[in-house]
Amino acid sequence: MSAPVPDPGPQNTPPPHGGVPPGETPPGESSTGTGAGPYRPLTRGWGKGPLVVICLVAVMCALFFLAYAVMLNL
């Protein structure tokens, strides 16, 4: 006499409370549309101040590495 299997296979398992049966793909997430939130018109882009600062830092880094390369070759 054999005992019943305590854990039935997925085909015999009832789905969880309101869920998807085992082996099936669950539904995709719900998402909000692109129209969520108030509309704000686009601005012109980067301000001149931050752009100048970034360019100055880049030029200073380039000059530093150029001077470092020159010092290594002496």
C-alpha atoms as a PDB file:
ATOM      1  CA  MET A   1       0.000   0.000   0.000  1.00  0.00           C
ATOM      2  CA  SER A   2       1.571   3.288  -1.076  1.00  0.00           C
ATOM      3  CA  ALA A   3       0.907   6.664   0.531  1.00  0.00           C
ATOM      4  CA  PRO A   4      -0.462   9.516  -1.611  1.00  0.00           C
ATOM      5  CA  VAL A   5       2.054  12.061  -2.800  1.00  0.00           C
ATOM      6  CA  PRO A   6       1.835  15.089  -0.449  1.00  0.00           C
ATOM      7  CA  ASP A   7       2.777  17.603  -3.157  1.00  0.00           C
ATOM      8  CA  PRO A   8       0.758  17.152  -6.347  1.00  0.00           C
ATOM      9  CA  GLY A   9       2.226  18.130  -9.715  1.00  0.00           C
ATOM     10  CA  PRO A  10       1.679  21.593 -11.156  1.00  0.00           C
ATOM     11  CA  GLN A  11      -1.133  20.396 -13.400  1.00  0.00           C
ATOM     12  CA  ASN A  12      -3.121  19.362 -10.311  1.00  0.00           C
ATOM     13  CA  THR A  13      -2.346  22.361  -8.110  1.00  0.00           C
ATOM     14  CA  PRO A  14      -5.137  24.937  -7.890  1.00  0.00           C
ATOM     15  CA  PRO A  15      -4.102  28.521  -8.685  1.00  0.00           C
ATOM     16  CA  PRO A  16      -3.327  30.784  -5.721  1.00  0.00           C
ATOM     17  CA  HIS A  17      -5.957  33.248  -4.579  1.00  0.00           C
ATOM     18  CA  GLY A  18      -6.867  35.027  -7.811  1.00  0.00           C
ATOM     19  CA  GLY A  19      -3.480  34.245  -9.337  1.00  0.00           C
ATOM     20  CA  VAL A  20      -2.282  32.479 -12.432  1.00  0.00           C
ATOM     21  CA  PRO A  21      -2.010  28.679 -12.509  1.00  0.00           C
ATOM     22  CA  PRO A  22       1.554  27.339 -12.222  1.00  0.00           C
ATOM     23  CA  GLY A  23       3.375  27.137 -15.540  1.00  0.00           C
ATOM     24  CA  GLU A  24       1.570  30.091 -17.112  1.00  0.00           C
ATOM     25  CA  THR A  25       2.919  33.571 -17.623  1.00  0.00           C
ATOM     26  CA  PRO A  26       1.493  36.123 -15.190  1.00  0.00           C
ATOM     27  CA  PRO A  27      -0.112  39.275 -16.596  1.00  0.00           C
ATOM     28  CA  GLY A  28       2.135  42.245 -17.309  1.00  0.00           C
ATOM     29  CA  GLU A  29       2.389  45.128 -14.887  1.00  0.00           C
ATOM     30  CA  SER A  30      -0.052  47.930 -15.221  1.00  0.00           C
ATOM     31  CA  SER A  31       1.585  51.232 -16.000  1.00  0.00           C
ATOM     32  CA  THR A  32       0.667  54.854 -16.238  1.00  0.00           C
ATOM     33  CA  GLY A  33       0.635  56.558 -19.577  1.00  0.00           C
ATOM     34  CA  THR A  34       3.074  59.218 -20.693  1.00  0.00           C
ATOM     35  CA  GLY A  35       0.490  61.882 -19.915  1.00  0.00           C
ATOM     36  CA  ALA A  36       0.903  61.525 -16.150  1.00  0.00           C
ATOM     37  CA  GLY A  37       1.546  64.762 -14.337  1.00  0.00           C
ATOM     38  CA  PRO A  38       1.216  68.375 -15.395  1.00  0.00           C
ATOM     39  CA  TYR A  39       2.562  69.507 -18.752  1.00  0.00           C
ATOM     40  CA  ARG A  40       5.760  71.530 -18.630  1.00  0.00           C
ATOM     41  CA  PRO A  41       7.149  72.949 -21.858  1.00  0.00           C
ATOM     42  CA  LEU A  42      10.761  72.106 -22.696  1.00  0.00           C
ATOM     43  CA  THR A  43      13.432  74.669 -21.878  1.00  0.00           C
ATOM     44  CA  ARG A  44      16.127  75.842 -24.265  1.00  0.00           C
ATOM     45  CA  GLY A  45      18.757  73.452 -22.928  1.00  0.00           C
ATOM     46  CA  TRP A  46      22.007  74.017 -21.069  1.00  0.00           C
ATOM     47  CA  GLY A  47      22.681  77.400 -19.536  1.00  0.00           C
ATOM     48  CA  LYS A  48      25.861  79.193 -20.560  1.00  0.00           C
ATOM     49  CA  GLY A  49      27.366  79.106 -17.058  1.00  0.00           C
ATOM     50  CA  PRO A  50      27.449  75.332 -16.522  1.00  0.00           C
ATOM     51  CA  LEU A  51      28.614  74.770 -20.097  1.00  0.00           C
ATOM     52  CA  VAL A  52      31.551  77.188 -19.652  1.00  0.00           C
ATOM     53  CA  VAL A  53      32.545  75.557 -16.349  1.00  0.00           C
ATOM     54  CA  ILE A  54      32.508  72.065 -17.873  1.00  0.00           C
ATOM     55  CA  CYS A  55      34.602  73.231 -20.843  1.00  0.00           C
ATOM     56  CA  LEU A  56      37.132  74.927 -18.543  1.00  0.00           C
ATOM     57  CA  VAL A  57      37.505  71.809 -16.419  1.00  0.00           C
ATOM     58  CA  ALA A  58      38.006  69.675 -19.541  1.00  0.00           C
ATOM     59  CA  VAL A  59      40.678  72.054 -20.905  1.00  0.00           C
ATOM     60  CA  MET A  60      42.474  72.151 -17.542  1.00  0.00           C
ATOM     61  CA  CYS A  61      42.508  68.325 -17.368  1.00  0.00           C
ATOM     62  CA  ALA A  62      43.873  68.118 -20.909  1.00  0.00           C
ATOM     63  CA  LEU A  63      46.619  70.663 -20.097  1.00  0.00           C
ATOM     64  CA  PHE A  64      47.539  68.787 -16.924  1.00  0.00           C
ATOM     65  CA  PHE A  65      47.965  65.485 -18.748  1.00  0.00           C
ATOM     66  CA  LEU A  66      49.898  67.190 -21.561  1.00  0.00           C
ATOM     67  CA  ALA A  67      52.287  68.752 -19.039  1.00  0.00           C
ATOM     68  CA  TYR A  68      52.594  65.408 -17.238  1.00  0.00           C
ATOM     69  CA  ALA A  69      53.499  63.658 -20.510  1.00  0.00           C
ATOM     70  CA  VAL A  70      56.090  66.320 -21.281  1.00  0.00           C
ATOM     71  CA  MET A  71      57.626  65.958 -17.798  1.00  0.00           C
ATOM     72  CA  LEU A  72      57.866  62.166 -18.209  1.00  0.00           C
ATOM     73  CA  ASN A  73      59.791  62.560 -21.481  1.00  0.00           C
ATOM     74  CA  LEU A  74      62.445  64.878 -19.978  1.00  0.00           C
END
